[in-house]
Each structure stands twice: as structure tokens, then as C-alpha cells.
Amino acid sequence: MKANNEQQQHPLSTGRAVNISRNGNHQYWIGDGPRMSSVTAMLRHIEGDTFGIGLNWGLKIARENNGDLNAPRQATKASIEIGNQLHEAIDEFITHGTVREEDPVFLAWYHAVGTQNFIASERFLYHPEMAYGGTCDAISMNEHGAISIADWKTISPDHLQKYGTALKINKDSAQLAAYAYALRAMDSIWAPTEGYITYVARDGSDAIQVQVDLERGMSLFKASHALYLLTKNGT
């Protein structure tokens, strides 16, 4: 099991705070309590990027690299790295106001949503009853004091152009809704009433922000959560 344990204080509406821990396997726990699986682990049953689409993409990448069957794996690693770099750049922007003008992927995101009033970034959370944990990308507040939860995903420019948000919206909205409902259940100081996902092309050519139906997303998550528990427990 990977180490890299981290701990973060999360402020509650009571004025107190809860210490949430996370390890390198993205398990979460409170104090000496049991490890809770992550939201993303529980959502493997909801895949928008289906086998057929993934296979076609892999064959395309291999063809573009003279038949190199290892090319799709390398492309996946590169995509993960781009996503990680974007999250780091956005966290730096929200925390310190730094704008990476040399980074086209960050700038695509920035021009789409950078003017929002972000009040928190990369926050650990958990649901005390449903026993799952996660890390939300950001939380914002509008001029009326309403709280929103936000998430960002990097996506292939071809997929963004061909499918828009339809390819991944079910899984991603379930993820965001699970975060929003966990914040409410744990009595966080932040109680989101709205949720937004920003899809950013990995080449920085475009970015699309969509509002999520949190109620529908939570229905999807609850179904996947139940299936996850059934398969994990073997009953």
C-alpha cells in the first residue's frame, strides 16, 4: 500500500473542525476510524468512455505512431500528467492568485471560469453515513452568498469537439454530487447548492463549463455506491 499520508482540517458550521486523513491510495479516515473508499473508486460502474470508444482511440493513437502498441499507454500517462499540472496551476491560482500565462491549458480554464470568487481549493471531505471520502477541486461563493462546488476535467480535443460533455457527464456529475452531499452531511461550513464542471481540452484550445443537476447526480452515485458495496462484499 502506498504511504504518503496527508491530513487536513475541515471547518464545520459549529465553529469546530474535523481532521480528515488521506493516503496514497486515496482512502480517507477520521482519527483512528476505518478507512473509507474514495468517491472515484465507487464510480467505476458508471463509465461514459465505453470500451468501444476507448478501443477506437487506442487504435488511432497506434496508427499515428507507426503501429506502436505502446503508444496509447504513453498517451494516457501524458494525459494524466496534463491533468495533474492543471490542478496544480488552478490550486496555485486560487491560493495565491498566480496566473500561469505560459500554460495554454490553464489559460483555457482561466478564461472560462477564472473570474469566479473561489474561497477554497482541494478540500478533503467525507460522508459520515455512507462512509466514503473524496477531495473536491474547489468551492466558490457568488455575490449573493450562495455556495457552489466545482470540478475540472481535462479531455481530448477530439472528444470535446465530437461529444461535448455527453461522453463523461453521468460519471462526473455523480462524482460532484457525492462531494456536495458529503459536505452537507458532515456539517461543513460550506454547503453547496449548485455544482459546475469545467471540461478543458488538453491542448488548451477550448474549455466548456456546465452546471450539474446535483439531485440527478446523487441518484446515479447512490446506485453505483450500492453496486460497489455488493461487489466488494461478495453478497
C-alpha atoms as a PDB file:
ATOM      1  CA  MET A   1       0.000   0.000   0.000  1.00  0.00           C
ATOM      2  CA  LYS A   2       1.290   3.452  -0.804  1.00  0.00           C
ATOM      3  CA  ALA A   3       2.173   5.723   2.079  1.00  0.00           C
ATOM      4  CA  ASN A   4       2.095   9.496   1.583  1.00  0.00           C
ATOM      5  CA  ASN A   5      -0.438  10.078   4.354  1.00  0.00           C
ATOM      6  CA  GLU A   6      -1.838  13.598   4.460  1.00  0.00           C
ATOM      7  CA  GLN A   7      -4.096  15.315   6.955  1.00  0.00           C
ATOM      8  CA  GLN A   8      -6.289  18.360   6.511  1.00  0.00           C
ATOM      9  CA  GLN A   9      -8.545  20.304   8.851  1.00  0.00           C
ATOM     10  CA  HIS A  10     -12.029  20.922   7.531  1.00  0.00           C
ATOM     11  CA  PRO A  11     -14.048  23.727   9.188  1.00  0.00           C
ATOM     12  CA  LEU A  12     -17.573  22.906  10.361  1.00  0.00           C
ATOM     13  CA  SER A  13     -20.618  25.120  10.731  1.00  0.00           C
ATOM     14  CA  THR A  14     -20.400  24.705  14.518  1.00  0.00           C
ATOM     15  CA  GLY A  15     -17.123  26.621  14.595  1.00  0.00           C
ATOM     16  CA  ARG A  16     -15.143  23.478  15.226  1.00  0.00           C
ATOM     17  CA  ALA A  17     -13.081  21.497  12.705  1.00  0.00           C
ATOM     18  CA  VAL A  18     -12.602  17.835  11.795  1.00  0.00           C
ATOM     19  CA  ASN A  19      -9.253  16.289  10.854  1.00  0.00           C
ATOM     20  CA  ILE A  20      -9.534  14.222   7.677  1.00  0.00           C
ATOM     21  CA  SER A  21      -6.666  11.948   6.634  1.00  0.00           C
ATOM     22  CA  ARG A  22      -5.881  10.582   3.168  1.00  0.00           C
ATOM     23  CA  ASN A  23      -3.279   8.080   1.999  1.00  0.00           C
ATOM     24  CA  GLY A  24      -1.607   7.416  -1.328  1.00  0.00           C
ATOM     25  CA  ASN A  25      -4.371   5.006  -2.319  1.00  0.00           C
ATOM     26  CA  HIS A  26      -6.945   7.763  -1.869  1.00  0.00           C
ATOM     27  CA  GLN A  27      -8.530   6.197   1.178  1.00  0.00           C
ATOM     28  CA  TYR A  28      -9.913   8.588   3.790  1.00  0.00           C
ATOM     29  CA  TRP A  29     -10.439   8.300   7.528  1.00  0.00           C
ATOM     30  CA  ILE A  30     -11.220  10.309  10.661  1.00  0.00           C
ATOM     31  CA  GLY A  31      -8.964   9.866  13.701  1.00  0.00           C
ATOM     32  CA  ASP A  32      -8.427   6.157  14.287  1.00  0.00           C
ATOM     33  CA  GLY A  33     -11.573   5.269  12.337  1.00  0.00           C
ATOM     34  CA  PRO A  34     -11.823   2.795   9.489  1.00  0.00           C
ATOM     35  CA  ARG A  35     -10.507   3.582   6.002  1.00  0.00           C
ATOM     36  CA  MET A  36     -13.222   4.810   3.665  1.00  0.00           C
ATOM     37  CA  SER A  37     -13.051   4.274  -0.083  1.00  0.00           C
ATOM     38  CA  SER A  38     -12.971   7.271  -2.382  1.00  0.00           C
ATOM     39  CA  VAL A  39     -15.864   8.513  -4.463  1.00  0.00           C
ATOM     40  CA  THR A  40     -13.941   7.737  -7.650  1.00  0.00           C
ATOM     41  CA  ALA A  41     -13.409   4.124  -6.569  1.00  0.00           C
ATOM     42  CA  MET A  42     -17.164   3.761  -6.120  1.00  0.00           C
ATOM     43  CA  LEU A  43     -17.918   5.143  -9.563  1.00  0.00           C
ATOM     44  CA  ARG A  44     -16.196   2.565 -11.719  1.00  0.00           C
ATOM     45  CA  HIS A  45     -19.626   1.205 -12.638  1.00  0.00           C
ATOM     46  CA  ILE A  46     -20.540   4.444 -14.419  1.00  0.00           C
ATOM     47  CA  GLU A  47     -18.234   4.816 -17.401  1.00  0.00           C
ATOM     48  CA  GLY A  48     -19.034   7.244 -20.182  1.00  0.00           C
ATOM     49  CA  ASP A  49     -15.811   6.420 -22.013  1.00  0.00           C
ATOM     50  CA  THR A  50     -17.004   2.974 -23.074  1.00  0.00           C
ATOM     51  CA  PHE A  51     -14.882   0.086 -24.323  1.00  0.00           C
ATOM     52  CA  GLY A  52     -15.710   0.762 -27.969  1.00  0.00           C
ATOM     53  CA  ILE A  53     -14.711   4.412 -27.774  1.00  0.00           C
ATOM     54  CA  GLY A  54     -11.559   3.569 -25.831  1.00  0.00           C
ATOM     55  CA  LEU A  55     -10.581   0.825 -28.281  1.00  0.00           C
ATOM     56  CA  ASN A  56     -11.060   3.107 -31.281  1.00  0.00           C
ATOM     57  CA  TRP A  57      -8.957   5.776 -29.588  1.00  0.00           C
ATOM     58  CA  GLY A  58      -6.187   3.273 -28.837  1.00  0.00           C
ATOM     59  CA  LEU A  59      -6.105   2.042 -32.434  1.00  0.00           C
ATOM     60  CA  LYS A  60      -5.992   5.617 -33.700  1.00  0.00           C
ATOM     61  CA  ILE A  61      -3.034   6.501 -31.456  1.00  0.00           C
ATOM     62  CA  ALA A  62      -1.215   3.333 -32.513  1.00  0.00           C
ATOM     63  CA  ARG A  63      -1.741   4.116 -36.206  1.00  0.00           C
ATOM     64  CA  GLU A  64      -0.485   7.665 -35.723  1.00  0.00           C
ATOM     65  CA  ASN A  65       2.701   6.219 -34.173  1.00  0.00           C
ATOM     66  CA  ASN A  66       3.574   3.698 -36.910  1.00  0.00           C
ATOM     67  CA  GLY A  67       1.735   0.850 -35.253  1.00  0.00           C
ATOM     68  CA  ASP A  68       3.382   1.207 -31.853  1.00  0.00           C
ATOM     69  CA  LEU A  69       1.011  -0.621 -29.500  1.00  0.00           C
ATOM     70  CA  ASN A  70       2.670   1.016 -26.503  1.00  0.00           C
ATOM     71  CA  ALA A  71       1.770   4.491 -27.768  1.00  0.00           C
ATOM     72  CA  PRO A  72      -1.761   4.531 -26.234  1.00  0.00           C
ATOM     73  CA  ARG A  73      -0.282   3.778 -22.799  1.00  0.00           C
ATOM     74  CA  GLN A  74       2.239   6.581 -23.161  1.00  0.00           C
ATOM     75  CA  ALA A  75      -0.522   8.919 -24.338  1.00  0.00           C
ATOM     76  CA  THR A  76      -2.578   8.028 -21.262  1.00  0.00           C
ATOM     77  CA  LYS A  77       0.362   8.811 -18.977  1.00  0.00           C
ATOM     78  CA  ALA A  78       0.840  12.144 -20.747  1.00  0.00           C
ATOM     79  CA  SER A  79      -2.864  12.924 -20.348  1.00  0.00           C
ATOM     80  CA  ILE A  80      -2.722  12.185 -16.613  1.00  0.00           C
ATOM     81  CA  GLU A  81       0.284  14.465 -16.281  1.00  0.00           C
ATOM     82  CA  ILE A  82      -1.534  17.288 -18.091  1.00  0.00           C
ATOM     83  CA  GLY A  83      -4.474  16.865 -15.729  1.00  0.00           C
ATOM     84  CA  ASN A  84      -2.226  16.938 -12.673  1.00  0.00           C
ATOM     85  CA  GLN A  85      -0.444  20.054 -13.921  1.00  0.00           C
ATOM     86  CA  LEU A  86      -3.776  21.802 -14.492  1.00  0.00           C
ATOM     87  CA  HIS A  87      -4.949  21.020 -10.972  1.00  0.00           C
ATOM     88  CA  GLU A  88      -1.674  22.314  -9.553  1.00  0.00           C
ATOM     89  CA  ALA A  89      -1.909  25.518 -11.602  1.00  0.00           C
ATOM     90  CA  ILE A  90      -5.519  26.150 -10.549  1.00  0.00           C
ATOM     91  CA  ASP A  91      -4.753  25.449  -6.894  1.00  0.00           C
ATOM     92  CA  GLU A  92      -1.887  27.945  -7.097  1.00  0.00           C
ATOM     93  CA  PHE A  93      -4.191  30.500  -8.705  1.00  0.00           C
ATOM     94  CA  ILE A  94      -6.930  30.087  -6.076  1.00  0.00           C
ATOM     95  CA  THR A  95      -4.461  30.049  -3.174  1.00  0.00           C
ATOM     96  CA  HIS A  96      -2.003  32.726  -4.297  1.00  0.00           C
ATOM     97  CA  GLY A  97      -3.579  34.451  -7.306  1.00  0.00           C
ATOM     98  CA  THR A  98      -0.822  33.247  -9.631  1.00  0.00           C
ATOM     99  CA  VAL A  99      -1.732  33.187 -13.333  1.00  0.00           C
ATOM    100  CA  ARG A 100       0.454  30.877 -15.433  1.00  0.00           C
ATOM    101  CA  GLU A 101       0.402  32.870 -18.639  1.00  0.00           C
ATOM    102  CA  GLU A 102       2.715  30.392 -20.370  1.00  0.00           C
ATOM    103  CA  ASP A 103       0.333  27.463 -19.834  1.00  0.00           C
ATOM    104  CA  PRO A 104      -2.341  27.225 -22.591  1.00  0.00           C
ATOM    105  CA  VAL A 105      -4.382  24.588 -20.724  1.00  0.00           C
ATOM    106  CA  PHE A 106      -4.562  26.721 -17.592  1.00  0.00           C
ATOM    107  CA  LEU A 107      -5.409  29.809 -19.666  1.00  0.00           C
ATOM    108  CA  ALA A 108      -8.287  27.958 -21.363  1.00  0.00           C
ATOM    109  CA  TRP A 109      -9.686  27.162 -17.907  1.00  0.00           C
ATOM    110  CA  TYR A 110      -8.990  30.682 -16.652  1.00  0.00           C
ATOM    111  CA  HIS A 111     -10.850  32.372 -19.489  1.00  0.00           C
ATOM    112  CA  ALA A 112     -13.831  30.066 -18.889  1.00  0.00           C
ATOM    113  CA  VAL A 113     -14.189  30.373 -15.100  1.00  0.00           C
ATOM    114  CA  GLY A 114     -11.293  32.317 -13.595  1.00  0.00           C
ATOM    115  CA  THR A 115     -13.401  35.301 -12.598  1.00  0.00           C
ATOM    116  CA  GLN A 116     -15.423  33.287 -10.066  1.00  0.00           C
ATOM    117  CA  ASN A 117     -14.936  34.054  -6.373  1.00  0.00           C
ATOM    118  CA  PHE A 118     -13.168  30.882  -5.222  1.00  0.00           C
ATOM    119  CA  ILE A 119     -12.928  30.518  -1.455  1.00  0.00           C
ATOM    120  CA  ALA A 120     -11.369  27.059  -1.066  1.00  0.00           C
ATOM    121  CA  SER A 121      -9.301  24.631  -3.110  1.00  0.00           C
ATOM    122  CA  GLU A 122      -8.503  20.895  -2.924  1.00  0.00           C
ATOM    123  CA  ARG A 123     -10.580  20.184   0.178  1.00  0.00           C
ATOM    124  CA  PHE A 124     -10.816  16.736   1.815  1.00  0.00           C
ATOM    125  CA  LEU A 125     -14.336  15.636   2.733  1.00  0.00           C
ATOM    126  CA  TYR A 126     -16.286  12.561   3.817  1.00  0.00           C
ATOM    127  CA  HIS A 127     -19.828  11.302   4.224  1.00  0.00           C
ATOM    128  CA  PRO A 128     -20.353  10.013   7.805  1.00  0.00           C
ATOM    129  CA  GLU A 129     -23.324   7.754   6.988  1.00  0.00           C
ATOM    130  CA  MET A 130     -22.400   6.435   3.542  1.00  0.00           C
ATOM    131  CA  ALA A 131     -18.733   6.052   4.546  1.00  0.00           C
ATOM    132  CA  TYR A 132     -16.889   7.467   1.567  1.00  0.00           C
ATOM    133  CA  GLY A 133     -14.323  10.201   1.159  1.00  0.00           C
ATOM    134  CA  GLY A 134     -13.005  12.480  -1.530  1.00  0.00           C
ATOM    135  CA  THR A 135     -11.241  15.685  -2.468  1.00  0.00           C
ATOM    136  CA  CYS A 136     -13.224  18.385  -4.206  1.00  0.00           C
ATOM    137  CA  ASP A 137     -11.367  20.663  -6.614  1.00  0.00           C
ATOM    138  CA  ALA A 138     -12.794  23.967  -5.406  1.00  0.00           C
ATOM    139  CA  ILE A 139     -15.603  25.842  -3.700  1.00  0.00           C
ATOM    140  CA  SER A 140     -16.851  29.277  -4.716  1.00  0.00           C
ATOM    141  CA  MET A 141     -19.325  31.887  -3.488  1.00  0.00           C
ATOM    142  CA  ASN A 142     -21.398  34.241  -5.626  1.00  0.00           C
ATOM    143  CA  GLU A 143     -22.366  37.822  -4.858  1.00  0.00           C
ATOM    144  CA  HIS A 144     -25.496  36.637  -3.017  1.00  0.00           C
ATOM    145  CA  GLY A 145     -23.550  34.318  -0.713  1.00  0.00           C
ATOM    146  CA  ALA A 146     -24.645  31.083  -2.415  1.00  0.00           C
ATOM    147  CA  ILE A 147     -22.041  28.317  -2.303  1.00  0.00           C
ATOM    148  CA  SER A 148     -21.090  26.276  -5.378  1.00  0.00           C
ATOM    149  CA  ILE A 149     -18.825  23.250  -5.737  1.00  0.00           C
ATOM    150  CA  ALA A 150     -16.567  22.988  -8.778  1.00  0.00           C
ATOM    151  CA  ASP A 151     -14.616  20.313 -10.584  1.00  0.00           C
ATOM    152  CA  TRP A 152     -12.401  20.302 -13.686  1.00  0.00           C
ATOM    153  CA  LYS A 153     -11.529  17.582 -16.141  1.00  0.00           C
ATOM    154  CA  THR A 154      -9.045  17.533 -18.979  1.00  0.00           C
ATOM    155  CA  ILE A 155     -10.356  15.871 -22.102  1.00  0.00           C
ATOM    156  CA  SER A 156      -9.137  15.028 -25.588  1.00  0.00           C
ATOM    157  CA  PRO A 157      -9.769  17.934 -28.004  1.00  0.00           C
ATOM    158  CA  ASP A 158     -11.311  15.436 -30.447  1.00  0.00           C
ATOM    159  CA  HIS A 159     -13.691  14.117 -27.798  1.00  0.00           C
ATOM    160  CA  LEU A 160     -14.589  17.620 -26.661  1.00  0.00           C
ATOM    161  CA  GLN A 161     -15.423  18.604 -30.215  1.00  0.00           C
ATOM    162  CA  LYS A 162     -17.262  15.382 -31.097  1.00  0.00           C
ATOM    163  CA  TYR A 163     -19.114  14.600 -27.871  1.00  0.00           C
ATOM    164  CA  GLY A 164     -19.046  17.852 -25.916  1.00  0.00           C
ATOM    165  CA  THR A 165     -19.847  16.974 -22.308  1.00  0.00           C
ATOM    166  CA  ALA A 166     -22.064  13.985 -23.172  1.00  0.00           C
ATOM    167  CA  LEU A 167     -19.228  11.445 -23.053  1.00  0.00           C
ATOM    168  CA  LYS A 168     -18.488  11.771 -19.329  1.00  0.00           C
ATOM    169  CA  ILE A 169     -21.258  13.841 -17.770  1.00  0.00           C
ATOM    170  CA  ASN A 170     -23.029  10.959 -15.996  1.00  0.00           C
ATOM    171  CA  LYS A 171     -19.971   9.752 -14.087  1.00  0.00           C
ATOM    172  CA  ASP A 172     -18.643  13.246 -13.470  1.00  0.00           C
ATOM    173  CA  SER A 173     -21.954  14.638 -12.235  1.00  0.00           C
ATOM    174  CA  ALA A 174     -22.280  11.675  -9.867  1.00  0.00           C
ATOM    175  CA  GLN A 175     -18.819  12.449  -8.506  1.00  0.00           C
ATOM    176  CA  LEU A 176     -19.555  16.122  -7.983  1.00  0.00           C
ATOM    177  CA  ALA A 177     -22.938  15.412  -6.386  1.00  0.00           C
ATOM    178  CA  ALA A 178     -21.341  12.922  -3.980  1.00  0.00           C
ATOM    179  CA  TYR A 179     -18.943  15.653  -2.884  1.00  0.00           C
ATOM    180  CA  ALA A 180     -21.730  18.201  -2.452  1.00  0.00           C
ATOM    181  CA  TYR A 181     -23.892  15.851  -0.393  1.00  0.00           C
ATOM    182  CA  ALA A 182     -20.916  14.826   1.745  1.00  0.00           C
ATOM    183  CA  LEU A 183     -20.226  18.464   2.600  1.00  0.00           C
ATOM    184  CA  ARG A 184     -23.808  18.826   3.789  1.00  0.00           C
ATOM    185  CA  ALA A 185     -23.802  15.525   5.705  1.00  0.00           C
ATOM    186  CA  MET A 186     -20.562  16.305   7.562  1.00  0.00           C
ATOM    187  CA  ASP A 187     -21.915  19.749   8.523  1.00  0.00           C
ATOM    188  CA  SER A 188     -19.188  21.580   6.639  1.00  0.00           C
ATOM    189  CA  ILE A 189     -19.000  25.351   6.789  1.00  0.00           C
ATOM    190  CA  TRP A 190     -19.591  25.116   3.033  1.00  0.00           C
ATOM    191  CA  ALA A 191     -22.991  23.734   1.946  1.00  0.00           C
ATOM    192  CA  PRO A 192     -23.183  23.837  -1.872  1.00  0.00           C
ATOM    193  CA  THR A 193     -26.482  24.460  -3.601  1.00  0.00           C
ATOM    194  CA  GLU A 194     -25.011  24.382  -7.118  1.00  0.00           C
ATOM    195  CA  GLY A 195     -22.289  22.443  -8.914  1.00  0.00           C
ATOM    196  CA  TYR A 196     -20.215  23.103 -12.031  1.00  0.00           C
ATOM    197  CA  ILE A 197     -17.805  21.014 -14.091  1.00  0.00           C
ATOM    198  CA  THR A 198     -15.319  22.569 -16.483  1.00  0.00           C
ATOM    199  CA  TYR A 199     -14.038  20.404 -19.333  1.00  0.00           C
ATOM    200  CA  VAL A 200     -10.693  21.639 -20.644  1.00  0.00           C
ATOM    201  CA  ALA A 201      -9.117  20.458 -23.902  1.00  0.00           C
ATOM    202  CA  ARG A 202      -5.673  19.031 -23.242  1.00  0.00           C
ATOM    203  CA  ASP A 203      -4.141  21.235 -25.929  1.00  0.00           C
ATOM    204  CA  GLY A 204      -5.682  24.379 -24.418  1.00  0.00           C
ATOM    205  CA  SER A 205      -7.843  25.019 -27.471  1.00  0.00           C
ATOM    206  CA  ASP A 206     -11.169  25.239 -25.601  1.00  0.00           C
ATOM    207  CA  ALA A 207     -12.917  24.900 -22.251  1.00  0.00           C
ATOM    208  CA  ILE A 208     -16.607  24.335 -21.508  1.00  0.00           C
ATOM    209  CA  GLN A 209     -18.298  24.870 -18.138  1.00  0.00           C
ATOM    210  CA  VAL A 210     -21.573  23.067 -17.458  1.00  0.00           C
ATOM    211  CA  GLN A 211     -23.922  23.201 -14.493  1.00  0.00           C
ATOM    212  CA  VAL A 212     -24.637  19.852 -12.867  1.00  0.00           C
ATOM    213  CA  ASP A 213     -28.015  18.567 -11.719  1.00  0.00           C
ATOM    214  CA  LEU A 214     -26.898  17.585  -8.229  1.00  0.00           C
ATOM    215  CA  GLU A 215     -30.078  15.658  -7.404  1.00  0.00           C
ATOM    216  CA  ARG A 216     -29.783  13.504 -10.523  1.00  0.00           C
ATOM    217  CA  GLY A 217     -26.066  13.107  -9.942  1.00  0.00           C
ATOM    218  CA  MET A 218     -26.656  11.853  -6.412  1.00  0.00           C
ATOM    219  CA  SER A 219     -29.189   9.321  -7.679  1.00  0.00           C
ATOM    220  CA  LEU A 220     -26.507   7.982 -10.024  1.00  0.00           C
ATOM    221  CA  PHE A 221     -23.958   7.900  -7.231  1.00  0.00           C
ATOM    222  CA  LYS A 222     -26.265   6.079  -4.815  1.00  0.00           C
ATOM    223  CA  ALA A 223     -26.890   3.379  -7.425  1.00  0.00           C
ATOM    224  CA  SER A 224     -23.173   2.964  -8.075  1.00  0.00           C
ATOM    225  CA  HIS A 225     -22.433   3.079  -4.331  1.00  0.00           C
ATOM    226  CA  ALA A 226     -24.865   0.206  -3.730  1.00  0.00           C
ATOM    227  CA  LEU A 227     -23.355  -1.834  -6.566  1.00  0.00           C
ATOM    228  CA  TYR A 228     -19.853  -1.138  -5.288  1.00  0.00           C
ATOM    229  CA  LEU A 229     -20.753  -2.456  -1.823  1.00  0.00           C
ATOM    230  CA  LEU A 230     -22.403  -5.560  -3.280  1.00  0.00           C
ATOM    231  CA  THR A 231     -19.393  -6.456  -5.417  1.00  0.00           C
ATOM    232  CA  LYS A 232     -16.886  -5.595  -2.673  1.00  0.00           C
ATOM    233  CA  ASN A 233     -18.653  -7.715  -0.046  1.00  0.00           C
ATOM    234  CA  GLY A 234     -19.433 -10.526  -2.445  1.00  0.00           C
ATOM    235  CA  THR A 235     -23.095 -10.690  -1.427  1.00  0.00           C
END
